[in-house]
C-alpha atoms as a PDB file:
ATOM      1  CA  MET A   1     110.033 104.777 122.124  1.00  0.00           C
ATOM      2  CA  THR A   2     111.441 101.251 123.784  1.00  0.00           C
ATOM      3  CA  GLU A   3     113.283  98.763 121.118  1.00  0.00           C
ATOM      4  CA  MET A   4     110.124  96.691 120.849  1.00  0.00           C
ATOM      5  CA  ASN A   5     107.971  99.380 119.642  1.00  0.00           C
ATOM      6  CA  THR A   6     111.192 100.607 117.455  1.00  0.00           C
ATOM      7  CA  MET A   7     111.430  97.491 116.040  1.00  0.00           C
ATOM      8  CA  ASN A   8     107.719  96.923 114.876  1.00  0.00           C
ATOM      9  CA  GLN A   9     107.591 100.846 113.366  1.00  0.00           C
ATOM     10  CA  LEU A  10     110.424  99.184 111.044  1.00  0.00           C
ATOM     11  CA  ILE A  11     109.284  96.277 110.210  1.00  0.00           C
ATOM     12  CA  ALA A  12     106.189  97.752 109.361  1.00  0.00           C
ATOM     13  CA  LYS A  13     107.834 100.479 107.012  1.00  0.00           C
ATOM     14  CA  TYR A  14     109.622  97.767 105.683  1.00  0.00           C
ATOM     15  CA  PHE A  15     106.687  96.107 104.301  1.00  0.00           C
ATOM     16  CA  ALA A  16     105.292  99.537 103.362  1.00  0.00           C
ATOM     17  CA  GLY A  17     108.049  99.876 101.331  1.00  0.00           C
ATOM     18  CA  GLU A  18     109.120 103.111 103.473  1.00  0.00           C
ATOM     19  CA  ILE A  19     112.050 102.157 105.208  1.00  0.00           C
ATOM     20  CA  SER A  20     115.080 104.626 105.019  1.00  0.00           C
ATOM     21  CA  GLU A  21     118.808 103.343 104.511  1.00  0.00           C
ATOM     22  CA  ASP A  22     119.273 104.069 108.107  1.00  0.00           C
ATOM     23  CA  GLU A  23     116.511 102.347 109.271  1.00  0.00           C
ATOM     24  CA  MET A  24     117.038  99.576 107.088  1.00  0.00           C
ATOM     25  CA  GLY A  25     120.598  99.332 108.874  1.00  0.00           C
ATOM     26  CA  GLN A  26     118.910  99.190 112.481  1.00  0.00           C
ATOM     27  CA  LEU A  27     116.696  96.599 111.115  1.00  0.00           C
ATOM     28  CA  ARG A  28     119.248  94.362 109.806  1.00  0.00           C
ATOM     29  CA  GLY A  29     121.398  94.683 112.914  1.00  0.00           C
ATOM     30  CA  TRP A  30     118.277  93.214 114.733  1.00  0.00           C
ATOM     31  CA  LEU A  31     117.955  90.247 112.278  1.00  0.00           C
ATOM     32  CA  GLU A  32     121.584  89.651 112.545  1.00  0.00           C
ATOM     33  CA  SER A  33     121.518  90.134 116.270  1.00  0.00           C
ATOM     34  CA  SER A  34     120.050  86.601 117.014  1.00  0.00           C
ATOM     35  CA  VAL A  35     118.611  83.348 115.633  1.00  0.00           C
ATOM     36  CA  GLU A  36     115.135  84.028 117.351  1.00  0.00           C
ATOM     37  CA  ASN A  37     114.739  87.533 115.416  1.00  0.00           C
ATOM     38  CA  LYS A  38     115.459  86.165 112.420  1.00  0.00           C
ATOM     39  CA  LEU A  39     112.944  83.122 112.620  1.00  0.00           C
ATOM     40  CA  LEU A  40     110.227  85.978 113.868  1.00  0.00           C
ATOM     41  CA  PHE A  41     111.125  88.210 110.989  1.00  0.00           C
ATOM     42  CA  ASP A  42     110.802  85.127 108.393  1.00  0.00           C
ATOM     43  CA  ASP A  43     107.251  84.282 110.157  1.00  0.00           C
ATOM     44  CA  LEU A  44     106.069  87.822 109.801  1.00  0.00           C
ATOM     45  CA  LYS A  45     107.428  87.948 106.145  1.00  0.00           C
ATOM     46  CA  GLN A  46     105.221  84.389 105.057  1.00  0.00           C
ATOM     47  CA  ASN A  47     102.229  86.162 106.375  1.00  0.00           C
ATOM     48  CA  TRP A  48     102.462  89.404 104.653  1.00  0.00           C
ATOM     49  CA  GLU A  49     103.333  87.379 101.557  1.00  0.00           C
ATOM     50  CA  SER A  50     100.427  85.324 102.116  1.00  0.00           C
ATOM     51  CA  LEU A  51      98.502  88.284 102.121  1.00  0.00           C
ATOM     52  CA  GLU A  52      99.909  89.810  99.054  1.00  0.00           C
ATOM     53  CA  LEU A  53      99.199  86.933  96.917  1.00  0.00           C
ATOM     54  CA  GLN A  54      95.377  87.292  97.231  1.00  0.00           C
ATOM     55  CA  SER A  55      94.934  91.132  96.805  1.00  0.00           C
ATOM     56  CA  SER A  56      95.801  93.780  94.315  1.00  0.00           C
ATOM     57  CA  PRO A  57      98.761  96.165  95.302  1.00  0.00           C
ATOM     58  CA  ASN A  58      95.914  99.453  96.409  1.00  0.00           C
ATOM     59  CA  ASP A  59      94.173  96.641  98.471  1.00  0.00           C
ATOM     60  CA  LYS A  60      97.668  95.719 100.320  1.00  0.00           C
ATOM     61  CA  SER A  61      98.859  99.543 100.827  1.00  0.00           C
ATOM     62  CA  ARG A  62      95.364 100.190 101.920  1.00  0.00           C
ATOM     63  CA  VAL A  63      95.594  97.279 104.746  1.00  0.00           C
ATOM     64  CA  LEU A  64      99.264  98.515 105.882  1.00  0.00           C
ATOM     65  CA  ASN A  65      98.480 101.695 106.264  1.00  0.00           C
ATOM     66  CA  ARG A  66      95.625 100.556 108.844  1.00  0.00           C
ATOM     67  CA  VAL A  67      98.591  98.052 110.391  1.00  0.00           C
ATOM     68  CA  LYS A  68     100.951 100.793 110.909  1.00  0.00           C
ATOM     69  CA  ALA A  69      98.675 103.265 112.370  1.00  0.00           C
ATOM     70  CA  LYS A  70      97.541 100.773 114.769  1.00  0.00           C
ATOM     71  CA  ILE A  71     101.189 100.168 115.561  1.00  0.00           C
ATOM     72  CA  LYS A  72     101.881 103.745 116.046  1.00  0.00           C
ATOM     73  CA  ALA A  73      98.959 104.061 118.247  1.00  0.00           C
ATOM     74  CA  ASP A  74     100.078 101.215 121.029  1.00  0.00           C
ATOM     75  CA  GLU A  75     101.373 102.219 124.094  1.00  0.00           C
ATOM     76  CA  PRO A  76     105.169 101.321 124.913  1.00  0.00           C
ATOM     77  CA  ILE A  77     105.373  98.260 126.783  1.00  0.00           C
ATOM     78  CA  VAL A  78     107.876  98.980 130.105  1.00  0.00           C
ATOM     79  CA  GLU A  79     111.258  96.977 129.557  1.00  0.00           C
ATOM     80  CA  LYS A  80     112.065  94.039 131.899  1.00  0.00           C
ATOM     81  CA  GLU A  81     115.403  94.148 134.105  1.00  0.00           C
ATOM     82  CA  VAL A  82     116.057  90.405 133.792  1.00  0.00           C
ATOM     83  CA  LYS A  83     117.163  89.942 130.113  1.00  0.00           C
ATOM     84  CA  ARG A  84     115.046  86.696 129.980  1.00  0.00           C
ATOM     85  CA  LEU A  85     111.881  88.033 130.568  1.00  0.00           C
ATOM     86  CA  PHE A  86     112.784  91.220 128.402  1.00  0.00           C
ATOM     87  CA  VAL A  87     112.726  88.632 125.113  1.00  0.00           C
ATOM     88  CA  ARG A  88     109.548  86.589 125.810  1.00  0.00           C
ATOM     89  CA  SER A  89     108.007  90.019 126.202  1.00  0.00           C
ATOM     90  CA  TRP A  90     109.581  91.334 123.014  1.00  0.00           C
ATOM     91  CA  TYR A  91     108.547  87.777 121.857  1.00  0.00           C
ATOM     92  CA  ARG A  92     104.766  88.691 122.651  1.00  0.00           C
ATOM     93  CA  MET A  93     104.802  91.832 121.353  1.00  0.00           C
ATOM     94  CA  ALA A  94     106.193  90.789 117.906  1.00  0.00           C
ATOM     95  CA  ALA A  95     104.251  88.227 117.659  1.00  0.00           C
ATOM     96  CA  SER A  96     100.850  90.492 118.142  1.00  0.00           C
ATOM     97  CA  VAL A  97     102.119  92.223 115.332  1.00  0.00           C
ATOM     98  CA  ILE A  98     102.238  88.722 113.311  1.00  0.00           C
ATOM     99  CA  VAL A  99      98.739  88.338 114.178  1.00  0.00           C
ATOM    100  CA  ALA A 100      97.657  91.974 113.357  1.00  0.00           C
ATOM    101  CA  ILE A 101      99.084  91.414 109.655  1.00  0.00           C
ATOM    102  CA  SER A 102      97.782  87.947 109.388  1.00  0.00           C
ATOM    103  CA  VAL A 103      94.655  86.920 111.286  1.00  0.00           C
ATOM    104  CA  GLY A 104      93.285  90.090 112.313  1.00  0.00           C
ATOM    105  CA  THR A 105      94.466  92.170 109.525  1.00  0.00           C
ATOM    106  CA  LEU A 106      92.646  89.551 106.969  1.00  0.00           C
ATOM    107  CA  ALA A 107      89.391  89.635 108.783  1.00  0.00           C
ATOM    108  CA  TRP A 108      89.743  93.809 108.881  1.00  0.00           C
ATOM    109  CA  TYR A 109      90.776  93.714 105.578  1.00  0.00           C
ATOM    110  CA  GLN A 110      87.361  91.659 104.574  1.00  0.00           C
ATOM    111  CA  ILE A 111      85.110  94.191 106.201  1.00  0.00           C
ATOM    112  CA  ASN A 112      86.682  97.132 105.516  1.00  0.00           C
ATOM    113  CA  GLU A 113      87.851  96.236 101.995  1.00  0.00           C
ATOM    114  CA  PRO A 114      84.653  94.971 100.588  1.00  0.00           C
ATOM    115  CA  PHE A 115      85.093  95.909  96.929  1.00  0.00           C
ATOM    116  CA  SER A 116      88.966  94.506  96.653  1.00  0.00           C
ATOM    117  CA  THR A 117      89.132  91.859  94.087  1.00  0.00           C
ATOM    118  CA  LEU A 118      90.181  89.432  96.738  1.00  0.00           C
ATOM    119  CA  ASN A 119      86.771  90.349  98.713  1.00  0.00           C
ATOM    120  CA  THR A 120      83.864  90.033  95.829  1.00  0.00           C
ATOM    121  CA  LEU A 121      84.311  86.538  94.461  1.00  0.00           C
ATOM    122  CA  GLY A 122      80.978  85.015  94.833  1.00  0.00           C
ATOM    123  CA  TYR A 123      79.333  88.126  95.579  1.00  0.00           C
ATOM    124  CA  GLU A 124      76.768  90.584  93.260  1.00  0.00           C
ATOM    125  CA  VAL A 125      78.232  93.879  92.533  1.00  0.00           C
ATOM    126  CA  SER A 126      76.199  96.535  91.319  1.00  0.00           C
ATOM    127  CA  ASP A 127      77.725 100.072  90.496  1.00  0.00           C
ATOM    128  CA  CYS A 128      75.841 103.142  89.970  1.00  0.00           C
ATOM    129  CA  GLU A 129      78.123 105.698  87.600  1.00  0.00           C
ATOM    130  CA  ALA A 130      77.882 109.093  88.584  1.00  0.00           C
ATOM    131  CA  GLY A 131      75.314 110.936  87.174  1.00  0.00           C
ATOM    132  CA  MET A 132      72.347 108.438  87.628  1.00  0.00           C
ATOM    133  CA  GLN A 133      70.360 107.043  89.931  1.00  0.00           C
ATOM    134  CA  LYS A 134      69.844 103.534  90.231  1.00  0.00           C
ATOM    135  CA  GLU A 135      67.226 100.730  92.215  1.00  0.00           C
ATOM    136  CA  ILE A 136      67.861  97.097  93.210  1.00  0.00           C
ATOM    137  CA  LEU A 137      65.152  94.627  94.763  1.00  0.00           C
ATOM    138  CA  LEU A 138      66.947  92.123  96.980  1.00  0.00           C
ATOM    139  CA  VAL A 139      65.419  88.652  97.060  1.00  0.00           C
ATOM    140  CA  ASP A 140      63.988  89.726 100.668  1.00  0.00           C
ATOM    141  CA  GLY A 141      62.109  92.099  99.231  1.00  0.00           C
ATOM    142  CA  SER A 142      64.235  94.892 100.645  1.00  0.00           C
ATOM    143  CA  HIS A 143      64.953  98.358  98.319  1.00  0.00           C
ATOM    144  CA  VAL A 144      68.219  99.626  97.606  1.00  0.00           C
ATOM    145  CA  PHE A 145      68.311 103.228  95.980  1.00  0.00           C
ATOM    146  CA  MET A 146      71.588 104.150  95.012  1.00  0.00           C
ATOM    147  CA  ASN A 147      73.184 107.336  94.343  1.00  0.00           C
ATOM    148  CA  GLY A 148      75.444 108.211  91.654  1.00  0.00           C
ATOM    149  CA  ASP A 149      78.948 107.208  92.340  1.00  0.00           C
ATOM    150  CA  SER A 150      77.821 104.663  94.463  1.00  0.00           C
ATOM    151  CA  ARG A 151      78.399 100.461  94.231  1.00  0.00           C
ATOM    152  CA  VAL A 152      77.287  97.734  96.561  1.00  0.00           C
ATOM    153  CA  LYS A 153      78.280  93.903  97.057  1.00  0.00           C
ATOM    154  CA  TYR A 154      75.777  90.908  98.429  1.00  0.00           C
ATOM    155  CA  LYS A 155      75.494  87.378  98.310  1.00  0.00           C
ATOM    156  CA  LYS A 156      72.192  86.764  95.854  1.00  0.00           C
ATOM    157  CA  GLU A 157      70.219  84.926  97.976  1.00  0.00           C
ATOM    158  CA  LEU A 158      71.339  86.877 101.312  1.00  0.00           C
ATOM    159  CA  SER A 159      72.428  83.283 102.901  1.00  0.00           C
ATOM    160  CA  GLY A 160      73.495  82.995 106.364  1.00  0.00           C
ATOM    161  CA  ASP A 161      72.165  84.079 109.807  1.00  0.00           C
ATOM    162  CA  GLU A 162      72.264  87.820 108.555  1.00  0.00           C
ATOM    163  CA  ARG A 163      71.220  89.608 105.547  1.00  0.00           C
ATOM    164  CA  ASN A 164      74.656  91.546 104.430  1.00  0.00           C
ATOM    165  CA  ILE A 165      75.477  93.685 101.958  1.00  0.00           C
ATOM    166  CA  PHE A 166      78.311  96.087 101.946  1.00  0.00           C
ATOM    167  CA  LEU A 167      77.855  99.846 100.666  1.00  0.00           C
ATOM    168  CA  GLU A 168      80.794 102.487  99.172  1.00  0.00           C
ATOM    169  CA  GLY A 169      78.990 105.711  98.422  1.00  0.00           C
ATOM    170  CA  GLU A 170      75.156 106.571  99.403  1.00  0.00           C
ATOM    171  CA  ALA A 171      71.844 104.737  99.553  1.00  0.00           C
ATOM    172  CA  PHE A 172      68.513 104.793 100.868  1.00  0.00           C
ATOM    173  CA  PHE A 173      67.575 101.586 102.149  1.00  0.00           C
ATOM    174  CA  ASP A 174      64.212 100.567 102.666  1.00  0.00           C
ATOM    175  CA  VAL A 175      64.343  97.169 104.670  1.00  0.00           C
ATOM    176  CA  ALA A 176      62.020  94.355 104.952  1.00  0.00           C
ATOM    177  CA  ARG A 177      61.440  93.482 108.395  1.00  0.00           C
ATOM    178  CA  ASN A 178      62.563  89.999 109.644  1.00  0.00           C
ATOM    179  CA  VAL A 179      63.378  89.722 113.488  1.00  0.00           C
ATOM    180  CA  LYS A 180      65.111  86.563 113.158  1.00  0.00           C
ATOM    181  CA  LYS A 181      67.713  87.704 110.360  1.00  0.00           C
ATOM    182  CA  PRO A 182      69.083  91.285 111.012  1.00  0.00           C
ATOM    183  CA  PHE A 183      69.823  93.151 107.804  1.00  0.00           C
ATOM    184  CA  VAL A 184      73.981  94.524 107.989  1.00  0.00           C
ATOM    185  CA  ILE A 185      75.112  97.059 106.115  1.00  0.00           C
ATOM    186  CA  GLY A 186      78.915  96.893 105.986  1.00  0.00           C
ATOM    187  CA  LEU A 187      80.851 100.430 105.720  1.00  0.00           C
ATOM    188  CA  ASP A 188      84.919 101.474 105.511  1.00  0.00           C
ATOM    189  CA  GLY A 189      84.811 101.004 109.531  1.00  0.00           C
ATOM    190  CA  ALA A 190      81.751 101.309 110.112  1.00  0.00           C
ATOM    191  CA  GLU A 191      78.401  99.053 110.457  1.00  0.00           C
ATOM    192  CA  VAL A 192      74.655  99.745 110.192  1.00  0.00           C
ATOM    193  CA  LYS A 193      72.430  96.518 111.467  1.00  0.00           C
ATOM    194  CA  VAL A 194      68.854  96.715 111.486  1.00  0.00           C
ATOM    195  CA  LEU A 195      65.986  94.597 111.439  1.00  0.00           C
ATOM    196  CA  GLY A 196      63.454  96.469 109.310  1.00  0.00           C
ATOM    197  CA  THR A 197      63.364 100.289 109.127  1.00  0.00           C
ATOM    198  CA  SER A 198      64.395 102.937 106.654  1.00  0.00           C
ATOM    199  CA  PHE A 199      67.112 105.158 106.304  1.00  0.00           C
ATOM    200  CA  ASN A 200      69.582 107.080 104.439  1.00  0.00           C
ATOM    201  CA  ILE A 201      73.395 106.206 104.295  1.00  0.00           C
ATOM    202  CA  LYS A 202      76.205 108.647 103.147  1.00  0.00           C
ATOM    203  CA  ALA A 203      79.577 106.798 102.848  1.00  0.00           C
ATOM    204  CA  TYR A 204      82.003 108.099 100.262  1.00  0.00           C
ATOM    205  CA  PRO A 205      85.508 107.036 100.554  1.00  0.00           C
ATOM    206  CA  GLU A 206      86.625 110.963  99.565  1.00  0.00           C
ATOM    207  CA  ASP A 207      84.125 112.120 102.270  1.00  0.00           C
ATOM    208  CA  LYS A 208      85.427 113.465 105.445  1.00  0.00           C
ATOM    209  CA  LEU A 209      82.122 112.531 106.995  1.00  0.00           C
ATOM    210  CA  MET A 210      80.317 109.298 107.109  1.00  0.00           C
ATOM    211  CA  GLU A 211      76.190 109.697 107.764  1.00  0.00           C
ATOM    212  CA  THR A 212      73.507 107.855 108.507  1.00  0.00           C
ATOM    213  CA  SER A 213      69.910 109.111 108.668  1.00  0.00           C
ATOM    214  CA  VAL A 214      66.961 107.408 109.995  1.00  0.00           C
ATOM    215  CA  LEU A 215      63.207 108.095 108.783  1.00  0.00           C
ATOM    216  CA  THR A 216      61.482 105.066 110.267  1.00  0.00           C
ATOM    217  CA  GLY A 217      62.185 102.034 112.466  1.00  0.00           C
ATOM    218  CA  LYS A 218      65.564 101.922 114.737  1.00  0.00           C
ATOM    219  CA  VAL A 219      68.702 101.492 113.893  1.00  0.00           C
ATOM    220  CA  SER A 220      72.225 100.408 115.192  1.00  0.00           C
ATOM    221  CA  PHE A 221      74.996 102.406 114.119  1.00  0.00           C
ATOM    222  CA  LYS A 222      78.502 101.014 114.946  1.00  0.00           C
ATOM    223  CA  HIS A 223      82.192 102.854 114.350  1.00  0.00           C
ATOM    224  CA  THR A 224      84.955 100.448 114.433  1.00  0.00           C
ATOM    225  CA  HIS A 225      88.575 102.173 114.911  1.00  0.00           C
ATOM    226  CA  GLY A 226      90.261  98.930 114.726  1.00  0.00           C
ATOM    227  CA  ILE A 227      90.328  95.378 114.839  1.00  0.00           C
ATOM    228  CA  TRP A 228      90.085  95.236 118.600  1.00  0.00           C
ATOM    229  CA  GLU A 229      86.784  95.258 120.907  1.00  0.00           C
ATOM    230  CA  LYS A 230      88.240  98.488 123.119  1.00  0.00           C
ATOM    231  CA  ASP A 231      88.260 100.147 119.074  1.00  0.00           C
ATOM    232  CA  GLN A 232      84.418  99.928 118.859  1.00  0.00           C
ATOM    233  CA  GLU A 233      81.350 102.663 119.620  1.00  0.00           C
ATOM    234  CA  SER A 234      77.953 102.095 118.799  1.00  0.00           C
ATOM    235  CA  MET A 235      74.638 104.295 119.108  1.00  0.00           C
ATOM    236  CA  PHE A 236      71.131 103.365 118.354  1.00  0.00           C
ATOM    237  CA  LEU A 237      68.754 106.019 116.174  1.00  0.00           C
ATOM    238  CA  VAL A 238      65.213 106.655 115.775  1.00  0.00           C
ATOM    239  CA  PRO A 239      63.414 108.813 112.880  1.00  0.00           C
ATOM    240  CA  GLY A 240      64.522 112.479 113.372  1.00  0.00           C
ATOM    241  CA  GLN A 241      68.234 111.422 114.352  1.00  0.00           C
ATOM    242  CA  LYS A 242      71.398 111.141 112.134  1.00  0.00           C
ATOM    243  CA  GLY A 243      75.069 109.709 113.765  1.00  0.00           C
ATOM    244  CA  VAL A 244      78.101 111.209 111.976  1.00  0.00           C
ATOM    245  CA  ILE A 245      81.505 109.701 111.784  1.00  0.00           C
ATOM    246  CA  ASN A 246      84.482 112.555 111.439  1.00  0.00           C
ATOM    247  CA  HIS A 247      86.825 110.121 109.730  1.00  0.00           C
ATOM    248  CA  GLU A 248      90.121 113.256 110.771  1.00  0.00           C
ATOM    249  CA  SER A 249      89.343 113.334 114.317  1.00  0.00           C
ATOM    250  CA  GLU A 250      87.454 110.063 114.902  1.00  0.00           C
ATOM    251  CA  GLU A 251      84.212 111.725 116.531  1.00  0.00           C
ATOM    252  CA  PHE A 252      81.241 109.673 116.679  1.00  0.00           C
ATOM    253  CA  ASP A 253      78.623 112.298 117.144  1.00  0.00           C
ATOM    254  CA  GLN A 254      74.280 112.028 117.168  1.00  0.00           C
ATOM    255  CA  PHE A 255      72.471 114.734 115.533  1.00  0.00           C
ATOM    256  CA  ASN A 256      68.350 115.734 116.168  1.00  0.00           C
ATOM    257  CA  VAL A 257      67.751 116.792 112.071  1.00  0.00           C
ATOM    258  CA  ASP A 258      65.411 116.977 109.558  1.00  0.00           C
ATOM    259  CA  ASN A 259      65.733 113.803 107.651  1.00  0.00           C
ATOM    260  CA  GLN A 260      63.998 114.837 104.559  1.00  0.00           C
ATOM    261  CA  TYR A 261      67.106 116.765 103.385  1.00  0.00           C
ATOM    262  CA  ASP A 262      69.154 113.816 103.616  1.00  0.00           C
ATOM    263  CA  VAL A 263      67.035 112.061 101.037  1.00  0.00           C
ATOM    264  CA  ALA A 264      66.534 115.112  98.892  1.00  0.00           C
ATOM    265  CA  TRP A 265      68.750 113.938  96.096  1.00  0.00           C
ATOM    266  CA  MET A 266      66.173 110.372  95.650  1.00  0.00           C
ATOM    267  CA  LYS A 267      63.737 113.397  94.172  1.00  0.00           C
ATOM    268  CA  ASN A 268      66.489 115.423  92.279  1.00  0.00           C
ATOM    269  CA  LYS A 269      66.563 118.043  94.796  1.00  0.00           C
ATOM    270  CA  LEU A 270      69.727 119.867  95.856  1.00  0.00           C
ATOM    271  CA  ILE A 271      69.901 121.704  99.121  1.00  0.00           C
ATOM    272  CA  PHE A 272      72.832 123.716 100.193  1.00  0.00           C
ATOM    273  CA  ASN A 273      72.835 125.536 103.777  1.00  0.00           C
ATOM    274  CA  ASN A 274      76.338 126.960 104.251  1.00  0.00           C
ATOM    275  CA  THR A 275      77.816 124.571 102.262  1.00  0.00           C
ATOM    276  CA  SER A 276      81.500 124.544 100.871  1.00  0.00           C
ATOM    277  CA  LEU A 277      82.282 125.082  97.455  1.00  0.00           C
ATOM    278  CA  LEU A 278      84.368 122.077  97.498  1.00  0.00           C
ATOM    279  CA  GLU A 279      81.337 119.788  99.036  1.00  0.00           C
ATOM    280  CA  ILE A 280      79.065 121.529  96.393  1.00  0.00           C
ATOM    281  CA  THR A 281      81.537 120.394  93.637  1.00  0.00           C
ATOM    282  CA  LYS A 282      81.117 116.648  94.281  1.00  0.00           C
ATOM    283  CA  THR A 283      77.624 116.651  95.142  1.00  0.00           C
ATOM    284  CA  LEU A 284      77.122 117.851  91.198  1.00  0.00           C
ATOM    285  CA  TYR A 285      79.758 115.289  90.051  1.00  0.00           C
ATOM    286  CA  ARG A 286      77.675 112.592  91.784  1.00  0.00           C
ATOM    287  CA  MET A 287      74.030 113.958  90.844  1.00  0.00           C
ATOM    288  CA  TYR A 288      75.580 115.358  86.835  1.00  0.00           C
ATOM    289  CA  GLY A 289      78.557 112.793  86.314  1.00  0.00           C
ATOM    290  CA  VAL A 290      80.742 115.953  85.277  1.00  0.00           C
ATOM    291  CA  ASN A 291      84.064 116.535  87.154  1.00  0.00           C
ATOM    292  CA  PHE A 292      85.134 119.554  88.451  1.00  0.00           C
ATOM    293  CA  LYS A 293      88.404 122.099  88.790  1.00  0.00           C
ATOM    294  CA  LEU A 294      88.704 125.208  90.839  1.00  0.00           C
ATOM    295  CA  THR A 295      91.743 127.105  89.591  1.00  0.00           C
ATOM    296  CA  ASP A 296      91.997 128.711  92.771  1.00  0.00           C
ATOM    297  CA  GLY A 297      92.379 126.801  96.094  1.00  0.00           C
ATOM    298  CA  SER A 298      90.863 129.679  98.185  1.00  0.00           C
ATOM    299  CA  LEU A 299      87.836 129.053  96.855  1.00  0.00           C
ATOM    300  CA  GLU A 300      86.809 125.457  98.333  1.00  0.00           C
ATOM    301  CA  ASP A 301      86.362 126.815 101.905  1.00  0.00           C
ATOM    302  CA  LEU A 302      83.657 129.690  99.952  1.00  0.00           C
ATOM    303  CA  LYS A 303      79.993 128.784 101.615  1.00  0.00           C
ATOM    304  CA  ILE A 304      76.945 129.393  99.829  1.00  0.00           C
ATOM    305  CA  THR A 305      73.644 128.487 100.413  1.00  0.00           C
ATOM    306  CA  ALA A 306      70.889 127.368  97.910  1.00  0.00           C
ATOM    307  CA  ASP A 307      68.154 125.306  96.506  1.00  0.00           C
ATOM    308  CA  PHE A 308      67.454 123.765  93.614  1.00  0.00           C
ATOM    309  CA  GLU A 309      65.172 120.727  92.125  1.00  0.00           C
ATOM    310  CA  ASN A 310      65.307 119.114  88.425  1.00  0.00           C
ATOM    311  CA  GLU A 311      67.331 121.832  87.355  1.00  0.00           C
ATOM    312  CA  GLU A 312      70.058 121.655  84.313  1.00  0.00           C
ATOM    313  CA  LEU A 313      73.459 121.532  85.635  1.00  0.00           C
ATOM    314  CA  GLU A 314      74.317 124.395  83.554  1.00  0.00           C
ATOM    315  CA  GLU A 315      71.197 126.658  85.163  1.00  0.00           C
ATOM    316  CA  ILE A 316      72.382 125.748  88.627  1.00  0.00           C
ATOM    317  CA  MET A 317      75.774 127.001  87.611  1.00  0.00           C
ATOM    318  CA  LYS A 318      74.693 130.396  86.068  1.00  0.00           C
ATOM    319  CA  ILE A 319      72.290 130.918  89.578  1.00  0.00           C
ATOM    320  CA  LEU A 320      75.462 129.999  92.050  1.00  0.00           C
ATOM    321  CA  GLU A 321      77.714 131.900  89.691  1.00  0.00           C
ATOM    322  CA  MET A 322      75.675 135.024  90.065  1.00  0.00           C
ATOM    323  CA  THR A 323      74.907 134.880  93.684  1.00  0.00           C
ATOM    324  CA  SER A 324      78.487 134.107  94.378  1.00  0.00           C
ATOM    325  CA  GLU A 325      82.095 135.079  94.252  1.00  0.00           C
ATOM    326  CA  PHE A 326      83.464 133.056  91.458  1.00  0.00           C
ATOM    327  CA  SER A 327      82.922 132.638  87.593  1.00  0.00           C
ATOM    328  CA  TYR A 328      82.976 129.335  85.724  1.00  0.00           C
ATOM    329  CA  LYS A 329      83.645 127.809  81.966  1.00  0.00           C
ATOM    330  CA  MET A 330      82.324 124.286  80.843  1.00  0.00           C
ATOM    331  CA  GLU A 331      84.125 122.058  78.457  1.00  0.00           C
ATOM    332  CA  ASN A 332      82.873 119.030  77.641  1.00  0.00           C
ATOM    333  CA  ASP A 333      82.478 116.994  80.820  1.00  0.00           C
ATOM    334  CA  LEU A 334      84.601 119.418  82.924  1.00  0.00           C
ATOM    335  CA  VAL A 335      83.488 122.460  84.839  1.00  0.00           C
ATOM    336  CA  PHE A 336      86.339 125.163  85.615  1.00  0.00           C
ATOM    337  CA  ILE A 337      85.730 127.300  88.738  1.00  0.00           C
ATOM    338  CA  GLY A 338      88.104 130.385  88.950  1.00  0.00           C
ATOM    339  CA  LYS A 339      87.789 133.925  90.446  1.00  0.00           C
ATOM    340  CA  LYS A 340      85.607 136.278  90.058  1.00  0.00           C
ATOM    341  CA  ASP A 341      85.665 137.687  86.176  1.00  0.00           C
ATOM    342  CA  GLU A 342      88.464 134.911  85.424  1.00  0.00           C
ATOM    343  CA  PHE A 343      86.177 133.308  83.011  1.00  0.00           C
END
């Protein structure tokens, strides 16, 4: 790694509060080596503190993690033999970090952290608690059906050139058509844009997968890896198709599916097809508002196939226990799941 990239890494670690004593010594030595370095660092610090004043600690931490990931992904810049050119190249590189943390990151922050304290000012925010479902009628005639443990934010009048709404969780959208004013759903690292159509989006922050499933019309689904154009991919989806983003592998795939499975939750249906027990507990939490605790980590990957419709949670658990290799007990709003015959 070149000195330029090394210092960028150390600067990011410094602002994240993750810098070691040895690394702090390196950074201090670099700061003391020239007035230019000190001025550059002070500029960067001022930009970061400006962001800090406008955001909560959790918001700031998430932003920094993204900046560090971007810095880590940057290719090393070849050092110049001529010292003057080297200094200029370094300065440009360091300046790009300032841009990433100030202008670029703030823009990215507004898109990808829509429910932070800073970014909900002036917006209508609607929450749907776990165990509930909720319908919202927007001023343009569009309907939003929210699943449990979900939230949306939007401008009440949907003003501007686009009808913008932000989602965290799961919702079915039935969008009123307006060819002059696209309907845009902002997600964490993604965006869905339509003119008028119906589709389901599943975008829980704790899930590995983000899914957009189309029932009618045509949908543009964009995956954003970062703040630069080269970091973006997009696809068009039509009825019977689903777009899936894997947050772990960054894969962005399109599938032909039976979309009725993706909206079964709206009719209180549960369809598990070789689904892991961990994913099942997440689904049950969202539908019934009850927390789950697995006493043995090996149970997380237990695969289960089963269908339910309008069943009480206890009845579901009894059936799953009879047909699967686990036992359970319910205590108030907590379900313990353990090995067979543990409970």
